[in-house]
Amino acid sequence: MKIKHFAQAIMFLGLLLFVSCNQEETVSETIEQSTEDLFAKNWQEADLTKFFTGEEMNYPISNQQLKNVLNNKDVYQVRFVPGILNNELQVKVISIDAKGVVLAEELVKQSKDLVLENQLEELRTTNINKESIVDPIISKHLLPFNNAANYLNSWKQKSTLDINEVTSYNGMRIRHFAIEPVVVKHMIALESEAINLSWGINPENKLTTVFVPVFDGTIQTKTGGSKSAYDFTNPCPPSCDPN
């Protein structure tokens, strides 16, 4: 009888341990999910005039962060997701597979010390040698510094006037900007300290991303043969692939 009672006690303790572990995992998953939802929810519901003041805004994404989001053979798309946490506008860099499952993510905070506007103005006459870029996908995303400077200038002029219009398509606020992983690999190959994301306004009067390679606060134009910035990320909406 003693042996039987001992076995029952062991089984009971094992059951308690199993339930406890499951509860911890559920709580952890719930906290993680609620934080993820909060990041996007705050962005969708925020009064953006409190966050977009018309000043230049920069988010340096380190080379290591870019490598981290590509550290999976199933990466189908890389997304740049605006969101609000702790009352600050931040950006998540997320890689997904072909079914839309998140593979990795990196959080990027705004750098208030980095200023690129004057540097872009000085680089307006720098020409892009697109012929040196064999991959048509990469070539499609190259943005002349002249255009990059225009996008940033338009941002300063327009962002506070009609911010709800420039951040939306058909009344739906942009959820994220997406780009092909091969373009991110090209960014990494530049071996710059970071690829900086700035907000800009494109010729369609919509919010867009402007990426430039920077090293120690200076725009890098020589390494890798790319004398350009990057743009033409696909905003969702209207381009949501996969949803």
C-alpha atoms as a PDB file:
ATOM      1  CA  MET A   1       0.000   0.000   0.000  1.00  0.00           C
ATOM      2  CA  LYS A   2       2.832   2.359   0.833  1.00  0.00           C
ATOM      3  CA  ILE A   3       4.371   1.790  -2.578  1.00  0.00           C
ATOM      4  CA  LYS A   4       1.014   2.487  -4.216  1.00  0.00           C
ATOM      5  CA  HIS A   5       0.554   5.742  -2.286  1.00  0.00           C
ATOM      6  CA  PHE A   6       4.104   6.790  -3.133  1.00  0.00           C
ATOM      7  CA  ALA A   7       3.505   6.197  -6.854  1.00  0.00           C
ATOM      8  CA  GLN A   8       0.273   8.165  -6.703  1.00  0.00           C
ATOM      9  CA  ALA A   9       2.092  11.066  -5.024  1.00  0.00           C
ATOM     10  CA  ILE A  10       4.759  11.045  -7.721  1.00  0.00           C
ATOM     11  CA  MET A  11       2.099  11.072 -10.447  1.00  0.00           C
ATOM     12  CA  PHE A  12       0.283  13.941  -8.690  1.00  0.00           C
ATOM     13  CA  LEU A  13       3.468  16.017  -8.438  1.00  0.00           C
ATOM     14  CA  GLY A  14       4.229  15.335 -12.092  1.00  0.00           C
ATOM     15  CA  LEU A  15       0.755  16.484 -13.072  1.00  0.00           C
ATOM     16  CA  LEU A  16       1.154  19.695 -11.051  1.00  0.00           C
ATOM     17  CA  LEU A  17       4.508  20.381 -12.719  1.00  0.00           C
ATOM     18  CA  PHE A  18       3.042  19.777 -16.180  1.00  0.00           C
ATOM     19  CA  VAL A  19       0.098  22.125 -15.551  1.00  0.00           C
ATOM     20  CA  SER A  20       2.390  24.779 -14.068  1.00  0.00           C
ATOM     21  CA  CYS A  21       4.731  24.699 -17.096  1.00  0.00           C
ATOM     22  CA  ASN A  22       1.806  24.933 -19.499  1.00  0.00           C
ATOM     23  CA  GLN A  23       0.388  27.895 -17.598  1.00  0.00           C
ATOM     24  CA  GLU A  24       3.751  29.675 -17.692  1.00  0.00           C
ATOM     25  CA  GLU A  25       4.057  29.087 -21.430  1.00  0.00           C
ATOM     26  CA  THR A  26       0.506  30.327 -21.998  1.00  0.00           C
ATOM     27  CA  VAL A  27       1.113  33.472 -19.942  1.00  0.00           C
ATOM     28  CA  SER A  28       4.400  34.096 -21.768  1.00  0.00           C
ATOM     29  CA  GLU A  29       2.740  33.658 -25.159  1.00  0.00           C
ATOM     30  CA  THR A  30      -0.150  35.898 -24.101  1.00  0.00           C
ATOM     31  CA  ILE A  31       2.215  38.673 -22.945  1.00  0.00           C
ATOM     32  CA  GLU A  32       4.229  38.402 -26.169  1.00  0.00           C
ATOM     33  CA  GLN A  33       1.093  38.457 -28.309  1.00  0.00           C
ATOM     34  CA  SER A  34      -0.462  41.360 -26.398  1.00  0.00           C
ATOM     35  CA  THR A  35       2.760  43.377 -26.787  1.00  0.00           C
ATOM     36  CA  GLU A  36       2.777  42.628 -30.518  1.00  0.00           C
ATOM     37  CA  ASP A  37      -0.873  43.641 -30.837  1.00  0.00           C
ATOM     38  CA  LEU A  38      -0.282  46.782 -28.780  1.00  0.00           C
ATOM     39  CA  PHE A  39       2.577  47.875 -31.032  1.00  0.00           C
ATOM     40  CA  ALA A  40       0.361  47.760 -34.133  1.00  0.00           C
ATOM     41  CA  LYS A  41      -2.855  48.836 -32.393  1.00  0.00           C
ATOM     42  CA  ASN A  42      -1.297  52.014 -31.014  1.00  0.00           C
ATOM     43  CA  TRP A  43      -0.054  52.911 -34.486  1.00  0.00           C
ATOM     44  CA  GLN A  44      -3.433  52.359 -36.098  1.00  0.00           C
ATOM     45  CA  GLU A  45      -5.322  54.382 -33.499  1.00  0.00           C
ATOM     46  CA  ALA A  46      -2.807  57.125 -32.671  1.00  0.00           C
ATOM     47  CA  ASP A  47      -3.174  60.816 -33.411  1.00  0.00           C
ATOM     48  CA  LEU A  48      -0.098  60.899 -35.633  1.00  0.00           C
ATOM     49  CA  THR A  49       0.275  64.679 -35.381  1.00  0.00           C
ATOM     50  CA  LYS A  50       1.733  63.987 -31.931  1.00  0.00           C
ATOM     51  CA  PHE A  51       4.476  61.799 -33.394  1.00  0.00           C
ATOM     52  CA  PHE A  52       5.087  63.241 -36.873  1.00  0.00           C
ATOM     53  CA  THR A  53       6.096  66.849 -36.311  1.00  0.00           C
ATOM     54  CA  GLY A  54       7.660  67.502 -39.703  1.00  0.00           C
ATOM     55  CA  GLU A  55      11.180  67.162 -38.346  1.00  0.00           C
ATOM     56  CA  GLU A  56      13.626  64.700 -39.875  1.00  0.00           C
ATOM     57  CA  MET A  57      13.210  61.265 -38.290  1.00  0.00           C
ATOM     58  CA  ASN A  58      15.877  58.564 -38.549  1.00  0.00           C
ATOM     59  CA  TYR A  59      15.970  54.890 -37.566  1.00  0.00           C
ATOM     60  CA  PRO A  60      19.441  53.315 -38.044  1.00  0.00           C
ATOM     61  CA  ILE A  61      19.100  49.566 -38.587  1.00  0.00           C
ATOM     62  CA  SER A  62      22.420  47.925 -37.790  1.00  0.00           C
ATOM     63  CA  ASN A  63      24.071  45.537 -40.191  1.00  0.00           C
ATOM     64  CA  GLN A  64      23.769  42.805 -37.553  1.00  0.00           C
ATOM     65  CA  GLN A  65      20.030  43.392 -37.200  1.00  0.00           C
ATOM     66  CA  LEU A  66      19.611  42.972 -40.955  1.00  0.00           C
ATOM     67  CA  LYS A  67      21.615  39.744 -40.814  1.00  0.00           C
ATOM     68  CA  ASN A  68      19.484  38.497 -37.927  1.00  0.00           C
ATOM     69  CA  VAL A  69      16.195  38.854 -39.812  1.00  0.00           C
ATOM     70  CA  LEU A  70      17.639  37.006 -42.802  1.00  0.00           C
ATOM     71  CA  ASN A  71      19.022  34.156 -40.719  1.00  0.00           C
ATOM     72  CA  ASN A  72      16.468  31.673 -42.038  1.00  0.00           C
ATOM     73  CA  LYS A  73      16.355  29.894 -45.380  1.00  0.00           C
ATOM     74  CA  ASP A  74      12.575  30.376 -45.637  1.00  0.00           C
ATOM     75  CA  VAL A  75      12.547  34.193 -45.648  1.00  0.00           C
ATOM     76  CA  TYR A  76      10.081  35.320 -48.284  1.00  0.00           C
ATOM     77  CA  GLN A  77       9.745  39.005 -47.427  1.00  0.00           C
ATOM     78  CA  VAL A  78      11.207  41.617 -45.099  1.00  0.00           C
ATOM     79  CA  ARG A  79       8.835  44.152 -43.554  1.00  0.00           C
ATOM     80  CA  PHE A  80       9.398  47.495 -41.882  1.00  0.00           C
ATOM     81  CA  VAL A  81       6.558  47.970 -39.435  1.00  0.00           C
ATOM     82  CA  PRO A  82       5.843  51.308 -37.722  1.00  0.00           C
ATOM     83  CA  GLY A  83       4.432  51.081 -34.234  1.00  0.00           C
ATOM     84  CA  ILE A  84       4.150  52.906 -30.944  1.00  0.00           C
ATOM     85  CA  LEU A  85       5.510  51.651 -27.633  1.00  0.00           C
ATOM     86  CA  ASN A  86       6.175  53.674 -24.480  1.00  0.00           C
ATOM     87  CA  ASN A  87       4.717  56.686 -26.266  1.00  0.00           C
ATOM     88  CA  GLU A  88       7.473  56.571 -28.908  1.00  0.00           C
ATOM     89  CA  LEU A  89       7.224  55.872 -32.618  1.00  0.00           C
ATOM     90  CA  GLN A  90       9.458  52.875 -33.297  1.00  0.00           C
ATOM     91  CA  VAL A  91      10.053  50.470 -36.179  1.00  0.00           C
ATOM     92  CA  LYS A  92      10.200  46.687 -36.249  1.00  0.00           C
ATOM     93  CA  VAL A  93      12.128  44.897 -38.981  1.00  0.00           C
ATOM     94  CA  ILE A  94      10.411  41.559 -39.509  1.00  0.00           C
ATOM     95  CA  SER A  95      11.079  38.613 -41.793  1.00  0.00           C
ATOM     96  CA  ILE A  96       8.217  36.310 -42.810  1.00  0.00           C
ATOM     97  CA  ASP A  97       7.850  33.106 -44.784  1.00  0.00           C
ATOM     98  CA  ALA A  98       5.558  32.591 -47.781  1.00  0.00           C
ATOM     99  CA  LYS A  99       2.589  31.933 -45.478  1.00  0.00           C
ATOM    100  CA  GLY A 100       3.100  35.144 -43.515  1.00  0.00           C
ATOM    101  CA  VAL A 101       4.563  33.457 -40.425  1.00  0.00           C
ATOM    102  CA  VAL A 102       7.043  35.680 -38.566  1.00  0.00           C
ATOM    103  CA  LEU A 103      10.531  34.176 -38.599  1.00  0.00           C
ATOM    104  CA  ALA A 104      12.516  36.902 -36.819  1.00  0.00           C
ATOM    105  CA  GLU A 105      12.194  40.515 -35.768  1.00  0.00           C
ATOM    106  CA  GLU A 106      14.350  43.403 -34.613  1.00  0.00           C
ATOM    107  CA  LEU A 107      13.212  46.579 -32.844  1.00  0.00           C
ATOM    108  CA  VAL A 108      14.691  49.908 -33.983  1.00  0.00           C
ATOM    109  CA  LYS A 109      14.363  53.158 -32.055  1.00  0.00           C
ATOM    110  CA  GLN A 110      14.661  56.660 -33.416  1.00  0.00           C
ATOM    111  CA  SER A 111      18.101  58.298 -33.337  1.00  0.00           C
ATOM    112  CA  LYS A 112      17.738  61.994 -32.577  1.00  0.00           C
ATOM    113  CA  ASP A 113      21.465  62.567 -33.080  1.00  0.00           C
ATOM    114  CA  LEU A 114      21.543  61.439 -36.712  1.00  0.00           C
ATOM    115  CA  VAL A 115      20.821  64.166 -39.307  1.00  0.00           C
ATOM    116  CA  LEU A 116      21.067  63.346 -43.025  1.00  0.00           C
ATOM    117  CA  GLU A 117      19.252  66.184 -44.814  1.00  0.00           C
ATOM    118  CA  ASN A 118      22.331  68.329 -45.501  1.00  0.00           C
ATOM    119  CA  GLN A 119      24.345  65.294 -46.595  1.00  0.00           C
ATOM    120  CA  LEU A 120      21.649  64.326 -49.092  1.00  0.00           C
ATOM    121  CA  GLU A 121      21.586  67.868 -50.468  1.00  0.00           C
ATOM    122  CA  GLU A 122      25.331  67.651 -51.133  1.00  0.00           C
ATOM    123  CA  LEU A 123      24.878  64.321 -52.914  1.00  0.00           C
ATOM    124  CA  ARG A 124      22.143  65.505 -55.293  1.00  0.00           C
ATOM    125  CA  THR A 125      24.465  65.429 -58.316  1.00  0.00           C
ATOM    126  CA  THR A 126      25.786  61.931 -57.579  1.00  0.00           C
ATOM    127  CA  ASN A 127      24.784  59.617 -60.406  1.00  0.00           C
ATOM    128  CA  ILE A 128      23.703  55.996 -60.071  1.00  0.00           C
ATOM    129  CA  ASN A 129      25.414  53.397 -62.228  1.00  0.00           C
ATOM    130  CA  LYS A 130      22.486  50.997 -62.479  1.00  0.00           C
ATOM    131  CA  GLU A 131      24.299  49.009 -65.157  1.00  0.00           C
ATOM    132  CA  SER A 132      26.674  47.736 -62.464  1.00  0.00           C
ATOM    133  CA  ILE A 133      23.702  46.135 -60.685  1.00  0.00           C
ATOM    134  CA  VAL A 134      22.895  42.887 -62.483  1.00  0.00           C
ATOM    135  CA  ASP A 135      19.837  41.885 -60.440  1.00  0.00           C
ATOM    136  CA  PRO A 136      16.750  43.731 -61.772  1.00  0.00           C
ATOM    137  CA  ILE A 137      15.015  43.502 -58.379  1.00  0.00           C
ATOM    138  CA  ILE A 138      17.847  45.369 -56.667  1.00  0.00           C
ATOM    139  CA  SER A 139      18.069  47.866 -59.506  1.00  0.00           C
ATOM    140  CA  LYS A 140      14.350  48.595 -59.155  1.00  0.00           C
ATOM    141  CA  HIS A 141      14.835  49.656 -55.553  1.00  0.00           C
ATOM    142  CA  LEU A 142      17.773  52.011 -56.101  1.00  0.00           C
ATOM    143  CA  LEU A 143      16.854  55.621 -55.435  1.00  0.00           C
ATOM    144  CA  PRO A 144      18.978  58.555 -56.686  1.00  0.00           C
ATOM    145  CA  PHE A 145      20.156  60.797 -53.860  1.00  0.00           C
ATOM    146  CA  ASN A 146      18.416  63.674 -55.615  1.00  0.00           C
ATOM    147  CA  ASN A 147      15.064  61.931 -55.217  1.00  0.00           C
ATOM    148  CA  ALA A 148      15.887  60.895 -51.666  1.00  0.00           C
ATOM    149  CA  ALA A 149      16.525  64.536 -50.776  1.00  0.00           C
ATOM    150  CA  ASN A 150      13.229  65.531 -52.411  1.00  0.00           C
ATOM    151  CA  TYR A 151      11.337  62.892 -50.429  1.00  0.00           C
ATOM    152  CA  LEU A 152      12.769  64.134 -47.142  1.00  0.00           C
ATOM    153  CA  ASN A 153      12.058  67.771 -48.042  1.00  0.00           C
ATOM    154  CA  SER A 154       8.482  66.886 -48.952  1.00  0.00           C
ATOM    155  CA  TRP A 155       8.139  65.141 -45.616  1.00  0.00           C
ATOM    156  CA  LYS A 156       9.109  68.294 -43.737  1.00  0.00           C
ATOM    157  CA  GLN A 157       6.691  70.390 -45.785  1.00  0.00           C
ATOM    158  CA  LYS A 158       3.660  68.111 -45.829  1.00  0.00           C
ATOM    159  CA  SER A 159       3.678  65.679 -42.955  1.00  0.00           C
ATOM    160  CA  THR A 160       1.971  67.955 -40.442  1.00  0.00           C
ATOM    161  CA  LEU A 161      -0.617  69.252 -42.910  1.00  0.00           C
ATOM    162  CA  ASP A 162      -2.384  66.082 -44.030  1.00  0.00           C
ATOM    163  CA  ILE A 163      -0.740  63.284 -42.079  1.00  0.00           C
ATOM    164  CA  ASN A 164      -3.825  61.053 -42.053  1.00  0.00           C
ATOM    165  CA  GLU A 165      -4.069  61.261 -45.839  1.00  0.00           C
ATOM    166  CA  VAL A 166      -0.393  60.590 -46.540  1.00  0.00           C
ATOM    167  CA  THR A 167      -0.291  57.580 -44.212  1.00  0.00           C
ATOM    168  CA  SER A 168      -3.412  55.910 -45.632  1.00  0.00           C
ATOM    169  CA  TYR A 169      -4.781  54.322 -48.781  1.00  0.00           C
ATOM    170  CA  ASN A 170      -8.556  54.478 -49.259  1.00  0.00           C
ATOM    171  CA  GLY A 171      -8.982  55.413 -45.618  1.00  0.00           C
ATOM    172  CA  MET A 172      -6.881  52.494 -44.319  1.00  0.00           C
ATOM    173  CA  ARG A 173      -3.665  53.380 -42.499  1.00  0.00           C
ATOM    174  CA  ILE A 174      -0.481  51.751 -43.787  1.00  0.00           C
ATOM    175  CA  ARG A 175       0.416  48.660 -41.739  1.00  0.00           C
ATOM    176  CA  HIS A 176       3.929  48.022 -43.023  1.00  0.00           C
ATOM    177  CA  PHE A 177       6.375  48.423 -45.906  1.00  0.00           C
ATOM    178  CA  ALA A 178       7.776  45.290 -47.565  1.00  0.00           C
ATOM    179  CA  ILE A 179      10.875  44.530 -49.621  1.00  0.00           C
ATOM    180  CA  GLU A 180      12.446  41.439 -51.159  1.00  0.00           C
ATOM    181  CA  PRO A 181      15.201  39.715 -49.112  1.00  0.00           C
ATOM    182  CA  VAL A 182      17.679  39.975 -52.007  1.00  0.00           C
ATOM    183  CA  VAL A 183      17.620  43.764 -51.593  1.00  0.00           C
ATOM    184  CA  VAL A 184      18.369  43.448 -47.879  1.00  0.00           C
ATOM    185  CA  LYS A 185      21.288  41.154 -48.747  1.00  0.00           C
ATOM    186  CA  HIS A 186      22.589  43.898 -51.044  1.00  0.00           C
ATOM    187  CA  MET A 187      22.318  46.395 -48.184  1.00  0.00           C
ATOM    188  CA  ILE A 188      24.256  44.038 -45.900  1.00  0.00           C
ATOM    189  CA  ALA A 189      26.984  43.582 -48.527  1.00  0.00           C
ATOM    190  CA  LEU A 190      27.727  47.313 -48.373  1.00  0.00           C
ATOM    191  CA  GLU A 191      29.242  46.603 -44.946  1.00  0.00           C
ATOM    192  CA  SER A 192      28.132  49.949 -43.583  1.00  0.00           C
ATOM    193  CA  GLU A 193      27.547  50.477 -39.883  1.00  0.00           C
ATOM    194  CA  ALA A 194      23.808  50.728 -40.474  1.00  0.00           C
ATOM    195  CA  ILE A 195      21.152  51.206 -43.100  1.00  0.00           C
ATOM    196  CA  ASN A 196      19.164  54.203 -41.949  1.00  0.00           C
ATOM    197  CA  LEU A 197      15.423  54.406 -42.463  1.00  0.00           C
ATOM    198  CA  SER A 198      13.977  57.912 -42.842  1.00  0.00           C
ATOM    199  CA  TRP A 199      10.378  58.898 -43.541  1.00  0.00           C
ATOM    200  CA  GLY A 200       9.648  60.630 -46.822  1.00  0.00           C
ATOM    201  CA  ILE A 201       6.757  61.654 -49.032  1.00  0.00           C
ATOM    202  CA  ASN A 202       6.800  60.276 -52.589  1.00  0.00           C
ATOM    203  CA  PRO A 203       5.396  61.979 -55.719  1.00  0.00           C
ATOM    204  CA  GLU A 204       1.995  60.353 -55.008  1.00  0.00           C
ATOM    205  CA  ASN A 205       1.881  62.309 -51.722  1.00  0.00           C
ATOM    206  CA  LYS A 206       2.143  59.121 -49.648  1.00  0.00           C
ATOM    207  CA  LEU A 207       4.399  58.122 -46.784  1.00  0.00           C
ATOM    208  CA  THR A 208       7.393  56.125 -47.959  1.00  0.00           C
ATOM    209  CA  THR A 209      10.659  54.772 -46.624  1.00  0.00           C
ATOM    210  CA  VAL A 210      14.055  56.149 -47.615  1.00  0.00           C
ATOM    211  CA  PHE A 211      17.083  53.983 -46.846  1.00  0.00           C
ATOM    212  CA  VAL A 212      20.693  55.178 -46.938  1.00  0.00           C
ATOM    213  CA  PRO A 213      23.864  53.389 -45.784  1.00  0.00           C
ATOM    214  CA  VAL A 214      25.606  55.265 -42.966  1.00  0.00           C
ATOM    215  CA  PHE A 215      28.862  54.874 -41.096  1.00  0.00           C
ATOM    216  CA  ASP A 216      29.496  56.951 -37.987  1.00  0.00           C
ATOM    217  CA  GLY A 217      26.696  59.319 -38.977  1.00  0.00           C
ATOM    218  CA  THR A 218      27.959  59.806 -42.536  1.00  0.00           C
ATOM    219  CA  ILE A 219      26.247  58.559 -45.683  1.00  0.00           C
ATOM    220  CA  GLN A 220      28.381  55.881 -47.280  1.00  0.00           C
ATOM    221  CA  THR A 221      28.557  56.059 -51.079  1.00  0.00           C
ATOM    222  CA  LYS A 222      31.548  53.974 -52.166  1.00  0.00           C
ATOM    223  CA  THR A 223      31.581  50.518 -50.582  1.00  0.00           C
ATOM    224  CA  GLY A 224      30.038  47.875 -52.815  1.00  0.00           C
ATOM    225  CA  GLY A 225      29.797  50.211 -55.803  1.00  0.00           C
ATOM    226  CA  SER A 226      26.358  51.497 -54.862  1.00  0.00           C
ATOM    227  CA  LYS A 227      26.063  55.278 -54.992  1.00  0.00           C
ATOM    228  CA  SER A 228      22.422  55.463 -54.120  1.00  0.00           C
ATOM    229  CA  ALA A 229      19.716  55.202 -51.532  1.00  0.00           C
ATOM    230  CA  TYR A 230      16.904  52.635 -51.585  1.00  0.00           C
ATOM    231  CA  ASP A 231      13.161  53.012 -51.875  1.00  0.00           C
ATOM    232  CA  PHE A 232      10.101  51.495 -53.532  1.00  0.00           C
ATOM    233  CA  THR A 233       9.141  49.316 -50.613  1.00  0.00           C
ATOM    234  CA  ASN A 234       5.597  48.086 -51.121  1.00  0.00           C
ATOM    235  CA  PRO A 235       3.164  49.590 -48.576  1.00  0.00           C
ATOM    236  CA  CYS A 236       0.329  47.469 -47.144  1.00  0.00           C
ATOM    237  CA  PRO A 237      -2.274  48.532 -47.952  1.00  0.00           C
ATOM    238  CA  PRO A 238      -2.583  48.433 -50.906  1.00  0.00           C
ATOM    239  CA  SER A 239       0.103  45.767 -51.564  1.00  0.00           C
ATOM    240  CA  CYS A 240      -0.325  43.024 -48.970  1.00  0.00           C
ATOM    241  CA  ASP A 241       1.482  39.842 -50.036  1.00  0.00           C
ATOM    242  CA  PRO A 242       0.836  37.673 -48.139  1.00  0.00           C
ATOM    243  CA  ASN A 243      -1.744  39.269 -45.867  1.00  0.00           C
END
